[in-house]
Amino acid sequence: MKIKEILAACLLLAATGCTFTDEPQVCPYSTRIEYWYAGNTFENALPAYANSLRQYLFDEEGNLLATDQMRGDSVTFWNGELPAGRYTVVAWGNLENEETVTDSRMLTANGGTPPAYRGNTDRLYYGSATFETVDGEVCRRRIYLTQAHALLNITVEWRTTVLPSETGIFRMRLRGIHGSYGFTPAYEEILIPDEAVYTLPQTQSPFIQHETVAAMNYDGKVTGRFVTFRYTPDTHQLWSLWHNDNILVQEIDLYKFFNKLPVDLNRSLEQEFDLLITVYDDRIVVNQVSGTDWDEGGAIG
């Protein structure tokens, strides 16, 4: 996408001013940014997904000018007075305590027990755009926030001669997941006809390990959920199941499964997956269970 196309969208909307009536009014701001959820372009559903929004405003040279935190219904817009110039705004939804922003414009996953393993991240959302303000005109931009997290639900069932114990503590582990985001988008696109922009964050190294608590339900199946940074074709998901301090299901290379999915992980607006792992005496089978019931899984082991 060319940057001049993005700038043109802002200047085009500037002509509308602050009112839709024939009477001109003095606008209380020079710049208005509206934040929407990319999964719904018909109404602003962002408050249903993001409880908070942290906005970073940069000048043309990349210097951080301001950081603003919005909560509740305020996550849908930002009004401000900006002198004429070119600016870049980066917004993160649900950025709370599980991630750290560094001076190098990196967002890094934090925490985790036991050592070297991290818990679930926040359900992050991301948006970014570059725009230009002109003296005497009002700049209005709409930015669509996309999922900056991957949601993976896993159910494990056994069709084996010996079944696992129903007592004790179950944990699932997932290795090979991106642990950092860059502020610069990896992918961006203008949506027609409103000429709004949506972007996807840039995943970066290092690769980290996650652990989440799982539970056995009434029918002997173990379920767990991972919330991590987004998957890309470079993500190498290695999953295992633990009971107390002992490994119950040996590490499975889920990359073989995700590599078969008919979806571009670099551009998908949402990444939510439900997997069923069936353990037999002589093999393990992985299938996706969802509304579309895509059942082309594969045998592993």
C-alpha atoms as a PDB file:
ATOM      1  CA  MET A   1       0.000   0.000   0.000  1.00  0.00           C
ATOM      2  CA  LYS A   2       1.323   3.455  -0.858  1.00  0.00           C
ATOM      3  CA  ILE A   3       1.434   5.962   1.975  1.00  0.00           C
ATOM      4  CA  LYS A   4      -0.023   8.729  -0.207  1.00  0.00           C
ATOM      5  CA  GLU A   5      -3.218   6.691  -0.543  1.00  0.00           C
ATOM      6  CA  ILE A   6      -3.619   6.606   3.231  1.00  0.00           C
ATOM      7  CA  LEU A   7      -2.953  10.331   3.547  1.00  0.00           C
ATOM      8  CA  ALA A   8      -5.504  11.125   0.869  1.00  0.00           C
ATOM      9  CA  ALA A   9      -8.213   9.359   2.831  1.00  0.00           C
ATOM     10  CA  CYS A  10      -7.625  11.638   5.803  1.00  0.00           C
ATOM     11  CA  LEU A  11      -7.671  14.838   3.761  1.00  0.00           C
ATOM     12  CA  LEU A  12     -10.834  13.787   1.931  1.00  0.00           C
ATOM     13  CA  LEU A  13     -12.714  13.411   5.199  1.00  0.00           C
ATOM     14  CA  ALA A  14     -11.368  16.713   6.445  1.00  0.00           C
ATOM     15  CA  ALA A  15     -13.729  18.605   4.188  1.00  0.00           C
ATOM     16  CA  THR A  16     -16.775  17.429   6.159  1.00  0.00           C
ATOM     17  CA  GLY A  17     -15.831  19.487   9.219  1.00  0.00           C
ATOM     18  CA  CYS A  18     -17.591  18.901  12.558  1.00  0.00           C
ATOM     19  CA  THR A  19     -21.208  19.092  11.450  1.00  0.00           C
ATOM     20  CA  PHE A  20     -23.524  17.569   8.896  1.00  0.00           C
ATOM     21  CA  THR A  21     -25.786  20.646   8.793  1.00  0.00           C
ATOM     22  CA  ASP A  22     -25.530  23.657   6.489  1.00  0.00           C
ATOM     23  CA  GLU A  23     -24.428  25.889   9.360  1.00  0.00           C
ATOM     24  CA  PRO A  24     -20.654  25.936   9.877  1.00  0.00           C
ATOM     25  CA  GLN A  25     -19.437  25.338  13.420  1.00  0.00           C
ATOM     26  CA  VAL A  26     -16.097  25.731  15.131  1.00  0.00           C
ATOM     27  CA  CYS A  27     -14.621  22.291  15.678  1.00  0.00           C
ATOM     28  CA  PRO A  28     -13.236  21.657  19.196  1.00  0.00           C
ATOM     29  CA  TYR A  29     -10.457  19.471  17.772  1.00  0.00           C
ATOM     30  CA  SER A  30      -8.239  19.333  14.709  1.00  0.00           C
ATOM     31  CA  THR A  31      -7.900  15.546  14.580  1.00  0.00           C
ATOM     32  CA  ARG A  32     -10.395  12.792  15.282  1.00  0.00           C
ATOM     33  CA  ILE A  33      -9.484   9.112  15.100  1.00  0.00           C
ATOM     34  CA  GLU A  34     -12.222   6.486  15.234  1.00  0.00           C
ATOM     35  CA  TYR A  35     -11.360   2.941  16.261  1.00  0.00           C
ATOM     36  CA  TRP A  36     -13.474   0.034  15.006  1.00  0.00           C
ATOM     37  CA  TYR A  37     -13.177  -3.735  15.173  1.00  0.00           C
ATOM     38  CA  ALA A  38     -12.200  -5.131  11.770  1.00  0.00           C
ATOM     39  CA  GLY A  39     -14.541  -8.097  12.159  1.00  0.00           C
ATOM     40  CA  ASN A  40     -17.604  -5.833  11.929  1.00  0.00           C
ATOM     41  CA  THR A  41     -17.661  -2.903   9.493  1.00  0.00           C
ATOM     42  CA  PHE A  42     -21.401  -2.209   9.879  1.00  0.00           C
ATOM     43  CA  GLU A  43     -21.393  -1.048  13.502  1.00  0.00           C
ATOM     44  CA  ASN A  44     -18.700  -0.169  15.989  1.00  0.00           C
ATOM     45  CA  ALA A  45     -18.406  -3.356  18.027  1.00  0.00           C
ATOM     46  CA  LEU A  46     -14.940  -2.625  19.431  1.00  0.00           C
ATOM     47  CA  PRO A  47     -16.133  -2.199  23.079  1.00  0.00           C
ATOM     48  CA  ALA A  48     -17.372  -5.802  22.971  1.00  0.00           C
ATOM     49  CA  TYR A  49     -13.789  -6.970  22.332  1.00  0.00           C
ATOM     50  CA  ALA A  50     -11.497  -4.390  23.941  1.00  0.00           C
ATOM     51  CA  ASN A  51     -11.982  -3.047  27.468  1.00  0.00           C
ATOM     52  CA  SER A  52      -9.109  -0.613  27.086  1.00  0.00           C
ATOM     53  CA  LEU A  53      -7.074   1.019  24.340  1.00  0.00           C
ATOM     54  CA  ARG A  54      -3.542   2.393  24.583  1.00  0.00           C
ATOM     55  CA  GLN A  55      -2.634   4.842  21.836  1.00  0.00           C
ATOM     56  CA  TYR A  56       0.917   5.826  20.876  1.00  0.00           C
ATOM     57  CA  LEU A  57       1.332   8.976  18.764  1.00  0.00           C
ATOM     58  CA  PHE A  58       4.565   9.507  16.804  1.00  0.00           C
ATOM     59  CA  ASP A  59       5.789  12.389  14.668  1.00  0.00           C
ATOM     60  CA  GLU A  60       7.230  12.057  11.167  1.00  0.00           C
ATOM     61  CA  GLU A  61      10.699  11.261  12.554  1.00  0.00           C
ATOM     62  CA  GLY A  62       9.361   8.479  14.754  1.00  0.00           C
ATOM     63  CA  ASN A  63       9.588  10.376  18.047  1.00  0.00           C
ATOM     64  CA  LEU A  64       6.949   9.430  20.601  1.00  0.00           C
ATOM     65  CA  LEU A  65       4.786  12.500  21.241  1.00  0.00           C
ATOM     66  CA  ALA A  66       2.108  11.134  23.552  1.00  0.00           C
ATOM     67  CA  THR A  67       0.595   8.007  25.052  1.00  0.00           C
ATOM     68  CA  ASP A  68      -3.118   7.961  25.843  1.00  0.00           C
ATOM     69  CA  GLN A  69      -5.133   5.323  27.678  1.00  0.00           C
ATOM     70  CA  MET A  70      -8.858   4.973  26.936  1.00  0.00           C
ATOM     71  CA  ARG A  71     -11.369   2.713  28.656  1.00  0.00           C
ATOM     72  CA  GLY A  72     -15.006   1.707  28.261  1.00  0.00           C
ATOM     73  CA  ASP A  73     -16.892   3.412  25.443  1.00  0.00           C
ATOM     74  CA  SER A  74     -13.982   5.850  25.037  1.00  0.00           C
ATOM     75  CA  VAL A  75     -12.002   3.150  23.204  1.00  0.00           C
ATOM     76  CA  THR A  76     -13.909   4.028  20.028  1.00  0.00           C
ATOM     77  CA  PHE A  77     -12.406   7.484  19.438  1.00  0.00           C
ATOM     78  CA  TRP A  78      -9.666  10.006  20.200  1.00  0.00           C
ATOM     79  CA  ASN A  79      -9.890  13.773  19.688  1.00  0.00           C
ATOM     80  CA  GLY A  80      -6.868  16.045  19.780  1.00  0.00           C
ATOM     81  CA  GLU A  81      -5.242  19.269  18.646  1.00  0.00           C
ATOM     82  CA  LEU A  82      -2.307  18.605  16.359  1.00  0.00           C
ATOM     83  CA  PRO A  83      -0.299  21.183  14.400  1.00  0.00           C
ATOM     84  CA  ALA A  84       0.148  20.677  10.681  1.00  0.00           C
ATOM     85  CA  GLY A  85       2.350  17.699   9.967  1.00  0.00           C
ATOM     86  CA  ARG A  86       2.557  13.990   9.364  1.00  0.00           C
ATOM     87  CA  TYR A  87       1.899  11.556  12.202  1.00  0.00           C
ATOM     88  CA  THR A  88       1.713   7.842  12.884  1.00  0.00           C
ATOM     89  CA  VAL A  89      -0.585   6.349  15.468  1.00  0.00           C
ATOM     90  CA  VAL A  90      -0.309   2.830  16.917  1.00  0.00           C
ATOM     91  CA  ALA A  91      -3.094   1.461  19.112  1.00  0.00           C
ATOM     92  CA  TRP A  92      -3.196  -1.686  21.251  1.00  0.00           C
ATOM     93  CA  GLY A  93      -6.451  -2.987  22.675  1.00  0.00           C
ATOM     94  CA  ASN A  94      -6.458  -4.828  26.044  1.00  0.00           C
ATOM     95  CA  LEU A  95      -2.803  -4.031  26.706  1.00  0.00           C
ATOM     96  CA  GLU A  96      -2.665  -4.484  30.472  1.00  0.00           C
ATOM     97  CA  ASN A  97      -0.089  -6.230  32.650  1.00  0.00           C
ATOM     98  CA  GLU A  98       1.034  -9.280  30.683  1.00  0.00           C
ATOM     99  CA  GLU A  99       3.090  -7.416  28.087  1.00  0.00           C
ATOM    100  CA  THR A 100       5.885  -4.837  28.141  1.00  0.00           C
ATOM    101  CA  VAL A 101       6.538  -2.033  25.646  1.00  0.00           C
ATOM    102  CA  THR A 102      10.250  -1.325  25.198  1.00  0.00           C
ATOM    103  CA  ASP A 103      12.015   1.798  23.960  1.00  0.00           C
ATOM    104  CA  SER A 104      12.767   0.012  20.702  1.00  0.00           C
ATOM    105  CA  ARG A 105       9.051  -0.035  19.829  1.00  0.00           C
ATOM    106  CA  MET A 106       8.675  -3.676  20.731  1.00  0.00           C
ATOM    107  CA  LEU A 107       5.834  -5.387  22.577  1.00  0.00           C
ATOM    108  CA  THR A 108       7.043  -8.420  24.524  1.00  0.00           C
ATOM    109  CA  ALA A 109       5.132 -11.112  26.408  1.00  0.00           C
ATOM    110  CA  ASN A 110       5.976 -11.226  30.114  1.00  0.00           C
ATOM    111  CA  GLY A 111       5.793 -13.535  33.083  1.00  0.00           C
ATOM    112  CA  GLY A 112       5.203 -17.229  33.340  1.00  0.00           C
ATOM    113  CA  THR A 113       5.568 -20.138  35.727  1.00  0.00           C
ATOM    114  CA  PRO A 114       7.367 -22.464  35.886  1.00  0.00           C
ATOM    115  CA  PRO A 115      10.572 -20.690  34.747  1.00  0.00           C
ATOM    116  CA  ALA A 116      10.898 -20.522  30.951  1.00  0.00           C
ATOM    117  CA  TYR A 117       7.141 -20.995  30.516  1.00  0.00           C
ATOM    118  CA  ARG A 118       4.640 -18.171  30.218  1.00  0.00           C
ATOM    119  CA  GLY A 119       0.948 -18.059  30.937  1.00  0.00           C
ATOM    120  CA  ASN A 120      -1.714 -16.819  28.551  1.00  0.00           C
ATOM    121  CA  THR A 121      -1.325 -13.309  27.172  1.00  0.00           C
ATOM    122  CA  ASP A 122      -4.033 -10.672  27.038  1.00  0.00           C
ATOM    123  CA  ARG A 123      -6.448 -10.829  24.115  1.00  0.00           C
ATOM    124  CA  LEU A 124      -4.702  -8.068  22.240  1.00  0.00           C
ATOM    125  CA  TYR A 125      -5.986  -6.011  19.310  1.00  0.00           C
ATOM    126  CA  TYR A 126      -3.851  -3.848  17.042  1.00  0.00           C
ATOM    127  CA  GLY A 127      -4.242  -0.943  14.660  1.00  0.00           C
ATOM    128  CA  SER A 128      -1.931   1.595  13.025  1.00  0.00           C
ATOM    129  CA  ALA A 129      -2.090   4.357  10.430  1.00  0.00           C
ATOM    130  CA  THR A 130      -0.120   7.328   9.139  1.00  0.00           C
ATOM    131  CA  PHE A 131      -1.976  10.570   8.470  1.00  0.00           C
ATOM    132  CA  GLU A 132      -1.335  14.231   7.738  1.00  0.00           C
ATOM    133  CA  THR A 133      -2.952  17.301   9.269  1.00  0.00           C
ATOM    134  CA  VAL A 134      -3.374  20.667   7.548  1.00  0.00           C
ATOM    135  CA  ASP A 135      -3.886  24.017   9.274  1.00  0.00           C
ATOM    136  CA  GLY A 136      -7.524  25.106   9.200  1.00  0.00           C
ATOM    137  CA  GLU A 137      -8.861  21.664   8.325  1.00  0.00           C
ATOM    138  CA  VAL A 138     -10.181  18.813  10.437  1.00  0.00           C
ATOM    139  CA  CYS A 139      -8.562  15.422   9.875  1.00  0.00           C
ATOM    140  CA  ARG A 140     -10.761  12.399  10.515  1.00  0.00           C
ATOM    141  CA  ARG A 141      -9.544   8.827  10.276  1.00  0.00           C
ATOM    142  CA  ARG A 142     -11.117   5.452  10.906  1.00  0.00           C
ATOM    143  CA  ILE A 143      -8.758   2.662  11.940  1.00  0.00           C
ATOM    144  CA  TYR A 144      -9.845  -0.968  12.146  1.00  0.00           C
ATOM    145  CA  LEU A 145      -8.276  -3.006  14.931  1.00  0.00           C
ATOM    146  CA  THR A 146      -7.497  -6.642  14.184  1.00  0.00           C
ATOM    147  CA  GLN A 147      -6.793  -9.572  16.461  1.00  0.00           C
ATOM    148  CA  ALA A 148      -3.245  -9.487  17.772  1.00  0.00           C
ATOM    149  CA  HIS A 149      -3.691 -12.810  19.521  1.00  0.00           C
ATOM    150  CA  ALA A 150      -4.304 -16.431  18.643  1.00  0.00           C
ATOM    151  CA  LEU A 151      -6.881 -18.468  20.544  1.00  0.00           C
ATOM    152  CA  LEU A 152      -6.328 -22.225  20.619  1.00  0.00           C
ATOM    153  CA  ASN A 153      -8.811 -24.519  22.384  1.00  0.00           C
ATOM    154  CA  ILE A 154      -7.676 -28.125  22.730  1.00  0.00           C
ATOM    155  CA  THR A 155      -9.717 -31.153  23.808  1.00  0.00           C
ATOM    156  CA  VAL A 156      -7.978 -34.481  24.414  1.00  0.00           C
ATOM    157  CA  GLU A 157      -9.858 -37.781  24.441  1.00  0.00           C
ATOM    158  CA  TRP A 158      -8.573 -41.320  24.956  1.00  0.00           C
ATOM    159  CA  ARG A 159      -9.528 -44.481  23.123  1.00  0.00           C
ATOM    160  CA  THR A 160      -6.841 -46.558  24.743  1.00  0.00           C
ATOM    161  CA  THR A 161      -6.701 -49.723  26.787  1.00  0.00           C
ATOM    162  CA  VAL A 162      -5.547 -47.799  29.872  1.00  0.00           C
ATOM    163  CA  LEU A 163      -7.208 -44.463  30.679  1.00  0.00           C
ATOM    164  CA  PRO A 164      -5.537 -41.591  32.564  1.00  0.00           C
ATOM    165  CA  SER A 165      -6.274 -40.865  36.206  1.00  0.00           C
ATOM    166  CA  GLU A 166      -9.199 -38.546  36.888  1.00  0.00           C
ATOM    167  CA  THR A 167      -7.424 -36.847  39.801  1.00  0.00           C
ATOM    168  CA  GLY A 168      -4.415 -34.568  39.920  1.00  0.00           C
ATOM    169  CA  ILE A 169      -3.383 -31.444  38.034  1.00  0.00           C
ATOM    170  CA  PHE A 170      -3.366 -31.291  34.234  1.00  0.00           C
ATOM    171  CA  ARG A 171      -1.284 -28.776  32.283  1.00  0.00           C
ATOM    172  CA  MET A 172      -0.808 -28.156  28.589  1.00  0.00           C
ATOM    173  CA  ARG A 173       2.385 -26.740  27.123  1.00  0.00           C
ATOM    174  CA  LEU A 174       2.963 -25.067  23.768  1.00  0.00           C
ATOM    175  CA  ARG A 175       6.413 -24.251  22.379  1.00  0.00           C
ATOM    176  CA  GLY A 176       7.599 -22.320  19.340  1.00  0.00           C
ATOM    177  CA  ILE A 177       5.316 -19.262  19.662  1.00  0.00           C
ATOM    178  CA  HIS A 178       6.358 -15.721  18.744  1.00  0.00           C
ATOM    179  CA  GLY A 179       7.120 -13.670  21.860  1.00  0.00           C
ATOM    180  CA  SER A 180       7.381 -10.116  20.478  1.00  0.00           C
ATOM    181  CA  TYR A 181       5.537  -7.675  18.233  1.00  0.00           C
ATOM    182  CA  GLY A 182       6.971  -4.712  16.379  1.00  0.00           C
ATOM    183  CA  PHE A 183       4.962  -1.498  16.188  1.00  0.00           C
ATOM    184  CA  THR A 184       5.417  -1.322  12.417  1.00  0.00           C
ATOM    185  CA  PRO A 185       2.645  -3.281  10.673  1.00  0.00           C
ATOM    186  CA  ALA A 186       3.511  -6.407   8.734  1.00  0.00           C
ATOM    187  CA  TYR A 187       0.472  -6.024   6.489  1.00  0.00           C
ATOM    188  CA  GLU A 188      -1.998  -3.210   5.798  1.00  0.00           C
ATOM    189  CA  GLU A 189      -4.932  -2.666   3.483  1.00  0.00           C
ATOM    190  CA  ILE A 190      -7.486   0.049   2.740  1.00  0.00           C
ATOM    191  CA  LEU A 191     -11.106  -1.067   2.961  1.00  0.00           C
ATOM    192  CA  ILE A 192     -13.444   0.177   0.253  1.00  0.00           C
ATOM    193  CA  PRO A 193     -15.720   2.169   0.170  1.00  0.00           C
ATOM    194  CA  ASP A 194     -14.964   4.009   3.446  1.00  0.00           C
ATOM    195  CA  GLU A 195     -11.210   4.024   2.755  1.00  0.00           C
ATOM    196  CA  ALA A 196     -10.438   3.015   6.323  1.00  0.00           C
ATOM    197  CA  VAL A 197      -7.276   1.072   7.017  1.00  0.00           C
ATOM    198  CA  TYR A 198      -6.699  -2.187   8.845  1.00  0.00           C
ATOM    199  CA  THR A 199      -3.301  -3.543   9.764  1.00  0.00           C
ATOM    200  CA  LEU A 200      -1.746  -6.680  11.225  1.00  0.00           C
ATOM    201  CA  PRO A 201       1.162  -6.531  13.688  1.00  0.00           C
ATOM    202  CA  GLN A 202       4.672  -7.657  12.869  1.00  0.00           C
ATOM    203  CA  THR A 203       5.591 -10.814  14.793  1.00  0.00           C
ATOM    204  CA  GLN A 204       9.216 -11.132  15.805  1.00  0.00           C
ATOM    205  CA  SER A 205      11.612 -13.408  17.670  1.00  0.00           C
ATOM    206  CA  PRO A 206      12.280 -14.796  20.197  1.00  0.00           C
ATOM    207  CA  PHE A 207      10.119 -17.889  20.163  1.00  0.00           C
ATOM    208  CA  ILE A 208       8.760 -18.680  23.618  1.00  0.00           C
ATOM    209  CA  GLN A 209       6.966 -21.419  25.543  1.00  0.00           C
ATOM    210  CA  HIS A 210       3.476 -21.223  27.043  1.00  0.00           C
ATOM    211  CA  GLU A 211       1.760 -23.258  29.728  1.00  0.00           C
ATOM    212  CA  THR A 212      -1.931 -23.278  30.665  1.00  0.00           C
ATOM    213  CA  VAL A 213      -3.931 -25.161  33.277  1.00  0.00           C
ATOM    214  CA  ALA A 214      -6.231 -27.851  31.863  1.00  0.00           C
ATOM    215  CA  ALA A 215      -9.099 -29.797  33.413  1.00  0.00           C
ATOM    216  CA  MET A 216     -10.768 -33.175  32.967  1.00  0.00           C
ATOM    217  CA  ASN A 217     -14.521 -32.993  32.445  1.00  0.00           C
ATOM    218  CA  TYR A 218     -17.268 -35.450  33.364  1.00  0.00           C
ATOM    219  CA  ASP A 219     -16.716 -37.715  30.343  1.00  0.00           C
ATOM    220  CA  GLY A 220     -12.973 -38.109  30.828  1.00  0.00           C
ATOM    221  CA  LYS A 221     -11.829 -35.520  28.280  1.00  0.00           C
ATOM    222  CA  VAL A 222      -9.162 -32.949  29.144  1.00  0.00           C
ATOM    223  CA  THR A 223      -9.660 -29.395  27.887  1.00  0.00           C
ATOM    224  CA  GLY A 224      -7.352 -26.388  27.862  1.00  0.00           C
ATOM    225  CA  ARG A 225      -7.029 -22.986  26.201  1.00  0.00           C
ATOM    226  CA  PHE A 226      -4.014 -21.031  24.966  1.00  0.00           C
ATOM    227  CA  VAL A 227      -4.058 -17.282  24.314  1.00  0.00           C
ATOM    228  CA  THR A 228      -0.792 -16.273  22.639  1.00  0.00           C
ATOM    229  CA  PHE A 229       0.609 -13.891  20.064  1.00  0.00           C
ATOM    230  CA  ARG A 230      -0.489 -14.506  16.480  1.00  0.00           C
ATOM    231  CA  TYR A 231       0.616 -17.469  14.402  1.00  0.00           C
ATOM    232  CA  THR A 232       2.488 -17.036  11.141  1.00  0.00           C
ATOM    233  CA  PRO A 233       3.820 -19.590   8.640  1.00  0.00           C
ATOM    234  CA  ASP A 234       7.058 -19.429  10.683  1.00  0.00           C
ATOM    235  CA  THR A 235       5.342 -20.472  13.912  1.00  0.00           C
ATOM    236  CA  HIS A 236       6.259 -24.034  14.904  1.00  0.00           C
ATOM    237  CA  GLN A 237       3.628 -25.167  17.418  1.00  0.00           C
ATOM    238  CA  LEU A 238       4.845 -28.029  19.627  1.00  0.00           C
ATOM    239  CA  TRP A 239       2.165 -29.192  22.090  1.00  0.00           C
ATOM    240  CA  SER A 240       2.265 -31.612  25.032  1.00  0.00           C
ATOM    241  CA  LEU A 241       0.032 -32.625  27.961  1.00  0.00           C
ATOM    242  CA  TRP A 242       1.257 -33.089  31.515  1.00  0.00           C
ATOM    243  CA  HIS A 243      -0.358 -34.756  34.538  1.00  0.00           C
ATOM    244  CA  ASN A 244       1.122 -33.570  37.831  1.00  0.00           C
ATOM    245  CA  ASP A 245       4.850 -33.563  37.014  1.00  0.00           C
ATOM    246  CA  ASN A 246       4.738 -36.362  34.444  1.00  0.00           C
ATOM    247  CA  ILE A 247       4.220 -36.096  30.710  1.00  0.00           C
ATOM    248  CA  LEU A 248       0.931 -37.726  29.705  1.00  0.00           C
ATOM    249  CA  VAL A 249       0.900 -37.098  25.946  1.00  0.00           C
ATOM    250  CA  GLN A 250       4.285 -36.760  24.289  1.00  0.00           C
ATOM    251  CA  GLU A 251       5.041 -33.600  22.330  1.00  0.00           C
ATOM    252  CA  ILE A 252       3.067 -33.325  19.092  1.00  0.00           C
ATOM    253  CA  ASP A 253       4.221 -31.245  16.138  1.00  0.00           C
ATOM    254  CA  LEU A 254       1.078 -29.205  15.403  1.00  0.00           C
ATOM    255  CA  TYR A 255       2.915 -27.321  12.665  1.00  0.00           C
ATOM    256  CA  LYS A 256       2.115 -30.271  10.391  1.00  0.00           C
ATOM    257  CA  PHE A 257      -1.560 -29.628  11.088  1.00  0.00           C
ATOM    258  CA  PHE A 258      -1.606 -25.823  10.779  1.00  0.00           C
ATOM    259  CA  ASN A 259       0.414 -26.041   7.571  1.00  0.00           C
ATOM    260  CA  LYS A 260      -2.564 -27.809   5.940  1.00  0.00           C
ATOM    261  CA  LEU A 261      -5.166 -25.203   6.878  1.00  0.00           C
ATOM    262  CA  PRO A 262      -6.741 -23.340   3.935  1.00  0.00           C
ATOM    263  CA  VAL A 263      -5.961 -19.944   5.488  1.00  0.00           C
ATOM    264  CA  ASP A 264      -3.189 -17.378   5.106  1.00  0.00           C
ATOM    265  CA  LEU A 265      -1.897 -16.911   8.652  1.00  0.00           C
ATOM    266  CA  ASN A 266      -0.109 -13.724   7.584  1.00  0.00           C
ATOM    267  CA  ARG A 267      -3.382 -12.001   6.654  1.00  0.00           C
ATOM    268  CA  SER A 268      -6.191 -13.675   8.600  1.00  0.00           C
ATOM    269  CA  LEU A 269      -8.137 -11.112  10.637  1.00  0.00           C
ATOM    270  CA  GLU A 270      -9.035 -13.679  13.292  1.00  0.00           C
ATOM    271  CA  GLN A 271      -7.109 -16.688  14.567  1.00  0.00           C
ATOM    272  CA  GLU A 272      -9.354 -18.928  16.649  1.00  0.00           C
ATOM    273  CA  PHE A 273      -8.909 -22.685  16.491  1.00  0.00           C
ATOM    274  CA  ASP A 274     -10.577 -25.654  18.195  1.00  0.00           C
ATOM    275  CA  LEU A 275      -8.651 -28.913  18.023  1.00  0.00           C
ATOM    276  CA  LEU A 276      -9.642 -32.415  19.072  1.00  0.00           C
ATOM    277  CA  ILE A 277      -6.703 -34.697  19.850  1.00  0.00           C
ATOM    278  CA  THR A 278      -7.640 -38.378  20.000  1.00  0.00           C
ATOM    279  CA  VAL A 279      -5.152 -40.725  21.635  1.00  0.00           C
ATOM    280  CA  TYR A 280      -5.162 -44.387  20.541  1.00  0.00           C
ATOM    281  CA  ASP A 281      -2.858 -47.165  21.663  1.00  0.00           C
ATOM    282  CA  ASP A 282      -0.872 -46.966  18.426  1.00  0.00           C
ATOM    283  CA  ARG A 283      -1.375 -43.417  17.123  1.00  0.00           C
ATOM    284  CA  ILE A 284      -2.594 -39.876  17.804  1.00  0.00           C
ATOM    285  CA  VAL A 285      -5.072 -38.106  15.513  1.00  0.00           C
ATOM    286  CA  VAL A 286      -5.562 -34.327  15.367  1.00  0.00           C
ATOM    287  CA  ASN A 287      -8.736 -32.806  13.923  1.00  0.00           C
ATOM    288  CA  GLN A 288     -10.207 -29.331  13.861  1.00  0.00           C
ATOM    289  CA  VAL A 289     -13.728 -29.041  15.254  1.00  0.00           C
ATOM    290  CA  SER A 290     -15.589 -25.836  14.502  1.00  0.00           C
ATOM    291  CA  GLY A 291     -18.678 -24.474  12.850  1.00  0.00           C
ATOM    292  CA  THR A 292     -17.356 -25.612   9.486  1.00  0.00           C
ATOM    293  CA  ASP A 293     -16.206 -28.976  10.927  1.00  0.00           C
ATOM    294  CA  TRP A 294     -13.119 -29.143   8.722  1.00  0.00           C
ATOM    295  CA  ASP A 295     -12.096 -32.757   9.164  1.00  0.00           C
ATOM    296  CA  GLU A 296      -8.997 -33.218   7.073  1.00  0.00           C
ATOM    297  CA  GLY A 297      -6.775 -33.639  10.172  1.00  0.00           C
ATOM    298  CA  GLY A 298      -3.983 -36.124  10.207  1.00  0.00           C
ATOM    299  CA  ALA A 299      -2.469 -38.974  12.116  1.00  0.00           C
ATOM    300  CA  ILE A 300       0.668 -38.202  14.081  1.00  0.00           C
ATOM    301  CA  GLY A 301       2.884 -40.862  15.595  1.00  0.00           C
END
